PDB file of N, CA and C in Angstrom:
ATOM      1  N   MET A   1     187.708  66.357 165.525  1.00  0.00           N
ATOM      2  CA  MET A   1     187.028  67.240 164.599  1.00  0.00           C
ATOM      3  C   MET A   1     185.619  66.744 164.291  1.00  0.00           C
ATOM      4  N   ILE A   2     185.471  65.451 164.161  1.00  0.00           N
ATOM      5  CA  ILE A   2     184.160  64.873 163.868  1.00  0.00           C
ATOM      6  C   ILE A   2     183.221  65.092 165.054  1.00  0.00           C
ATOM      7  N   GLN A   3     183.769  65.010 166.261  1.00  0.00           N
ATOM      8  CA  GLN A   3     182.939  65.222 167.447  1.00  0.00           C
ATOM      9  C   GLN A   3     182.429  66.663 167.507  1.00  0.00           C
ATOM     10  N   TYR A   4     183.253  67.591 167.049  1.00  0.00           N
ATOM     11  CA  TYR A   4     182.857  68.995 167.023  1.00  0.00           C
ATOM     12  C   TYR A   4     181.668  69.196 166.079  1.00  0.00           C
ATOM     13  N   PHE A   5     181.752  68.604 164.888  1.00  0.00           N
ATOM     14  CA  PHE A   5     180.656  68.733 163.932  1.00  0.00           C
ATOM     15  C   PHE A   5     179.400  68.008 164.420  1.00  0.00           C
ATOM     16  N   ALA A   6     179.569  66.887 165.089  1.00  0.00           N
ATOM     17  CA  ALA A   6     178.419  66.167 165.642  1.00  0.00           C
ATOM     18  C   ALA A   6     177.737  67.010 166.713  1.00  0.00           C
ATOM     19  N   ALA A   7     178.512  67.698 167.541  1.00  0.00           N
ATOM     20  CA  ALA A   7     177.942  68.571 168.571  1.00  0.00           C
ATOM     21  C   ALA A   7     177.215  69.750 167.939  1.00  0.00           C
ATOM     22  N   MET A   8     177.760  70.300 166.866  1.00  0.00           N
ATOM     23  CA  MET A   8     177.094  71.399 166.163  1.00  0.00           C
ATOM     24  C   MET A   8     175.771  70.942 165.561  1.00  0.00           C
ATOM     25  N   ILE A   9     175.760  69.781 164.963  1.00  0.00           N
ATOM     26  CA  ILE A   9     174.533  69.255 164.360  1.00  0.00           C
ATOM     27  C   ILE A   9     173.488  69.005 165.440  1.00  0.00           C
ATOM     28  N   ASP A  10     173.897  68.456 166.569  1.00  0.00           N
ATOM     29  CA  ASP A  10     172.969  68.231 167.673  1.00  0.00           C
ATOM     30  C   ASP A  10     172.366  69.544 168.172  1.00  0.00           C
ATOM     31  N   SER A  11     173.184  70.584 168.263  1.00  0.00           N
ATOM     32  CA  SER A  11     172.669  71.865 168.742  1.00  0.00           C
ATOM     33  C   SER A  11     171.719  72.492 167.723  1.00  0.00           C
ATOM     34  N   PHE A  12     171.980  72.314 166.436  1.00  0.00           N
ATOM     35  CA  PHE A  12     171.090  72.852 165.413  1.00  0.00           C
ATOM     36  C   PHE A  12     169.771  72.091 165.348  1.00  0.00           C
ATOM     37  N   LEU A  13     169.792  70.823 165.617  1.00  0.00           N
ATOM     38  CA  LEU A  13     168.577  70.019 165.561  1.00  0.00           C
ATOM     39  C   LEU A  13     167.722  70.165 166.800  1.00  0.00           C
ATOM     40  N   GLY A  14     168.224  70.822 167.827  1.00  0.00           N
ATOM     41  CA  GLY A  14     167.443  71.090 169.023  1.00  0.00           C
ATOM     42  C   GLY A  14     167.279  69.877 169.913  1.00  0.00           C
ATOM     43  N   ARG A  15     168.283  69.107 170.070  1.00  0.00           N
ATOM     44  CA  ARG A  15     168.195  67.925 170.910  1.00  0.00           C
ATOM     45  C   ARG A  15     168.470  68.220 172.373  1.00  0.00           C
ATOM     46  N   GLU A  16     168.658  69.462 172.696  1.00  0.00           N
ATOM     47  CA  GLU A  16     168.885  69.846 174.085  1.00  0.00           C
ATOM     48  C   GLU A  16     167.531  70.181 174.705  1.00  0.00           C
ATOM     49  N   ASP A  17     167.058  69.361 175.619  1.00  0.00           N
ATOM     50  CA  ASP A  17     165.729  69.509 176.210  1.00  0.00           C
ATOM     51  C   ASP A  17     165.800  69.964 177.661  1.00  0.00           C
ATOM     52  N   GLU A  18     166.748  70.805 177.991  1.00  0.00           N
ATOM     53  CA  GLU A  18     166.975  71.173 179.383  1.00  0.00           C
ATOM     54  C   GLU A  18     165.820  71.958 179.979  1.00  0.00           C
ATOM     55  N   GLY A  19     165.226  72.890 179.248  1.00  0.00           N
ATOM     56  CA  GLY A  19     164.179  73.737 179.806  1.00  0.00           C
ATOM     57  C   GLY A  19     162.776  73.262 179.497  1.00  0.00           C
ATOM     58  N   GLN A  20     162.631  72.135 178.862  1.00  0.00           N
ATOM     59  CA  GLN A  20     161.321  71.661 178.432  1.00  0.00           C
ATOM     60  C   GLN A  20     160.405  71.373 179.614  1.00  0.00           C
ATOM     61  N   GLY A  21     160.899  70.725 180.650  1.00  0.00           N
ATOM     62  CA  GLY A  21     160.071  70.386 181.807  1.00  0.00           C
ATOM     63  C   GLY A  21     159.551  71.617 182.513  1.00  0.00           C
ATOM     64  N   LEU A  22     160.400  72.633 182.652  1.00  0.00           N
ATOM     65  CA  LEU A  22     160.000  73.869 183.323  1.00  0.00           C
ATOM     66  C   LEU A  22     158.884  74.566 182.554  1.00  0.00           C
ATOM     67  N   VAL A  23     158.983  74.584 181.247  1.00  0.00           N
ATOM     68  CA  VAL A  23     157.958  75.224 180.419  1.00  0.00           C
ATOM     69  C   VAL A  23     156.639  74.465 180.538  1.00  0.00           C
ATOM     70  N   GLU A  24     156.697  73.145 180.558  1.00  0.00           N
ATOM     71  CA  GLU A  24     155.474  72.353 180.688  1.00  0.00           C
ATOM     72  C   GLU A  24     154.792  72.618 182.030  1.00  0.00           C
ATOM     73  N   TYR A  25     155.557  72.680 183.114  1.00  0.00           N
ATOM     74  CA  TYR A  25     154.978  72.987 184.424  1.00  0.00           C
ATOM     75  C   TYR A  25     154.380  74.388 184.447  1.00  0.00           C
ATOM     76  N   ALA A  26     155.040  75.332 183.813  1.00  0.00           N
ATOM     77  CA  ALA A  26     154.519  76.698 183.767  1.00  0.00           C
ATOM     78  C   ALA A  26     153.198  76.752 183.005  1.00  0.00           C
ATOM     79  N   LEU A  27     153.093  76.004 181.920  1.00  0.00           N
ATOM     80  CA  LEU A  27     151.839  75.975 181.163  1.00  0.00           C
ATOM     81  C   LEU A  27     150.715  75.337 181.975  1.00  0.00           C
ATOM     82  N   ILE A  28     151.028  74.292 182.723  1.00  0.00           N
ATOM     83  CA  ILE A  28     150.009  73.647 183.553  1.00  0.00           C
ATOM     84  C   ILE A  28     149.535  74.601 184.640  1.00  0.00           C
ATOM     85  N   ILE A  29     150.470  75.298 185.287  1.00  0.00           N
ATOM     86  CA  ILE A  29     150.099  76.248 186.334  1.00  0.00           C
ATOM     87  C   ILE A  29     149.247  77.381 185.753  1.00  0.00           C
ATOM     88  N   ALA A  30     149.600  77.862 184.566  1.00  0.00           N
ATOM     89  CA  ALA A  30     148.812  78.922 183.934  1.00  0.00           C
ATOM     90  C   ALA A  30     147.404  78.429 183.610  1.00  0.00           C
ATOM     91  N   LEU A  31     147.276  77.198 183.122  1.00  0.00           N
ATOM     92  CA  LEU A  31     145.964  76.647 182.817  1.00  0.00           C
ATOM     93  C   LEU A  31     145.122  76.501 184.076  1.00  0.00           C
ATOM     94  N   VAL A  32     145.718  76.033 185.162  1.00  0.00           N
ATOM     95  CA  VAL A  32     144.998  75.901 186.429  1.00  0.00           C
ATOM     96  C   VAL A  32     144.546  77.280 186.925  1.00  0.00           C
ATOM     97  N   ALA A  33     145.388  78.289 186.785  1.00  0.00           N
ATOM     98  CA  ALA A  33     145.027  79.640 187.218  1.00  0.00           C
ATOM     99  C   ALA A  33     143.847  80.181 186.406  1.00  0.00           C
ATOM    100  N   VAL A  34     143.840  79.938 185.110  1.00  0.00           N
ATOM    101  CA  VAL A  34     142.737  80.409 184.263  1.00  0.00           C
ATOM    102  C   VAL A  34     141.441  79.700 184.640  1.00  0.00           C
ATOM    103  N   VAL A  35     141.508  78.391 184.889  1.00  0.00           N
ATOM    104  CA  VAL A  35     140.315  77.634 185.276  1.00  0.00           C
ATOM    105  C   VAL A  35     139.790  78.122 186.620  1.00  0.00           C
ATOM    106  N   CYS A  36     140.681  78.369 187.577  1.00  0.00           N
ATOM    107  CA  CYS A  36     140.252  78.876 188.888  1.00  0.00           C
ATOM    108  C   CYS A  36     139.602  80.253 188.767  1.00  0.00           C
ATOM    109  N   ALA A  37     140.184  81.122 187.957  1.00  0.00           N
ATOM    110  CA  ALA A  37     139.609  82.457 187.777  1.00  0.00           C
ATOM    111  C   ALA A  37     138.230  82.363 187.135  1.00  0.00           C
ATOM    112  N   ALA A  38     138.074  81.487 186.157  1.00  0.00           N
ATOM    113  CA  ALA A  38     136.770  81.325 185.514  1.00  0.00           C
ATOM    114  C   ALA A  38     135.744  80.759 186.488  1.00  0.00           C
ATOM    115  N   ALA A  39     136.161  79.802 187.307  1.00  0.00           N
ATOM    116  CA  ALA A  39     135.235  79.208 188.280  1.00  0.00           C
ATOM    117  C   ALA A  39     134.813  80.231 189.324  1.00  0.00           C
ATOM    118  N   LEU A  40     135.744  81.020 189.819  1.00  0.00           N
ATOM    119  CA  LEU A  40     135.407  82.033 190.818  1.00  0.00           C
ATOM    120  C   LEU A  40     134.508  83.112 190.239  1.00  0.00           C
ATOM    121  N   THR A  41     134.722  83.476 188.987  1.00  0.00           N
ATOM    122  CA  THR A  41     133.873  84.466 188.338  1.00  0.00           C
ATOM    123  C   THR A  41     132.458  83.925 188.167  1.00  0.00           C
ATOM    124  N   THR A  42     132.366  82.654 187.786  1.00  0.00           N
ATOM    125  CA  THR A  42     131.057  82.040 187.592  1.00  0.00           C
ATOM    126  C   THR A  42     130.304  81.887 188.901  1.00  0.00           C
ATOM    127  N   LEU A  43     130.996  81.541 189.955  1.00  0.00           N
ATOM    128  CA  LEU A  43     130.365  81.283 191.251  1.00  0.00           C
ATOM    129  C   LEU A  43     130.360  82.492 192.179  1.00  0.00           C
ATOM    130  N   GLN A  44     130.599  83.664 191.640  1.00  0.00           N
ATOM    131  CA  GLN A  44     130.745  84.858 192.461  1.00  0.00           C
ATOM    132  C   GLN A  44     129.513  85.125 193.319  1.00  0.00           C
ATOM    133  N   GLY A  45     128.326  85.003 192.762  1.00  0.00           N
ATOM    134  CA  GLY A  45     127.108  85.264 193.531  1.00  0.00           C
ATOM    135  C   GLY A  45     126.931  84.288 194.670  1.00  0.00           C
ATOM    136  N   ASP A  46     127.200  83.011 194.421  1.00  0.00           N
ATOM    137  CA  ASP A  46     127.073  82.007 195.475  1.00  0.00           C
ATOM    138  C   ASP A  46     128.086  82.236 196.592  1.00  0.00           C
ATOM    139  N   ILE A  47     129.290  82.605 196.219  1.00  0.00           N
ATOM    140  CA  ILE A  47     130.330  82.851 197.217  1.00  0.00           C
ATOM    141  C   ILE A  47     129.972  84.065 198.076  1.00  0.00           C
ATOM    142  N   ASP A  48     129.452  85.111 197.426  1.00  0.00           N
ATOM    143  CA  ASP A  48     129.024  86.297 198.180  1.00  0.00           C
ATOM    144  C   ASP A  48     127.922  85.932 199.173  1.00  0.00           C
ATOM    145  N   GLY A  49     127.009  85.075 198.762  1.00  0.00           N
ATOM    146  CA  GLY A  49     125.936  84.639 199.654  1.00  0.00           C
ATOM    147  C   GLY A  49     126.435  83.873 200.850  1.00  0.00           C
ATOM    148  N   VAL A  50     127.403  83.009 200.641  1.00  0.00           N
ATOM    149  CA  VAL A  50     127.974  82.231 201.738  1.00  0.00           C
ATOM    150  C   VAL A  50     128.653  83.157 202.747  1.00  0.00           C
ATOM    151  N   PHE A  51     129.439  84.115 202.261  1.00  0.00           N
ATOM    152  CA  PHE A  51     130.112  85.027 203.174  1.00  0.00           C
ATOM    153  C   PHE A  51     129.114  85.941 203.877  1.00  0.00           C
ATOM    154  N   ALA A  52     128.034  86.305 203.199  1.00  0.00           N
ATOM    155  CA  ALA A  52     127.012  87.118 203.837  1.00  0.00           C
ATOM    156  C   ALA A  52     126.336  86.332 204.973  1.00  0.00           C
ATOM    157  N   ASP A  53     126.079  85.046 204.735  1.00  0.00           N
ATOM    158  CA  ASP A  53     125.504  84.207 205.788  1.00  0.00           C
ATOM    159  C   ASP A  53     126.437  84.064 206.986  1.00  0.00           C
ATOM    160  N   ILE A  54     127.717  83.900 206.694  1.00  0.00           N
ATOM    161  CA  ILE A  54     128.707  83.785 207.769  1.00  0.00           C
ATOM    162  C   ILE A  54     128.777  85.088 208.568  1.00  0.00           C
ATOM    163  N   GLY A  55     128.790  86.211 207.831  1.00  0.00           N
ATOM    164  CA  GLY A  55     128.836  87.507 208.509  1.00  0.00           C
ATOM    165  C   GLY A  55     127.587  87.748 209.339  1.00  0.00           C
ATOM    166  N   GLY A  56     126.444  87.314 208.838  1.00  0.00           N
ATOM    167  CA  GLY A  56     125.214  87.480 209.598  1.00  0.00           C
ATOM    168  C   GLY A  56     125.188  86.603 210.852  1.00  0.00           C
ATOM    169  N   SER A  57     125.795  85.436 210.776  1.00  0.00           N
ATOM    170  CA  SER A  57     125.832  84.535 211.940  1.00  0.00           C
ATOM    171  C   SER A  57     126.755  85.069 213.025  1.00  0.00           C
ATOM    172  N   LEU A  58     127.783  85.777 212.619  1.00  0.00           N
ATOM    173  CA  LEU A  58     128.723  86.306 213.610  1.00  0.00           C
ATOM    174  C   LEU A  58     128.145  87.513 214.281  1.00  0.00           C
TER     175      LEU A  58
END
């Protein structure tokens, strides 16, 4: 009976960290995606110029 109450207390206190790692990886991936999108938006003119040069060379 005591073990049952101890398990209930553990579940209420949130000591189960099973999904914590997955959430952290998802947040890191989302942050990397936002940084990449911002970098590509900022460098859009330079990237267009590079592809235009490549297209002109071909």
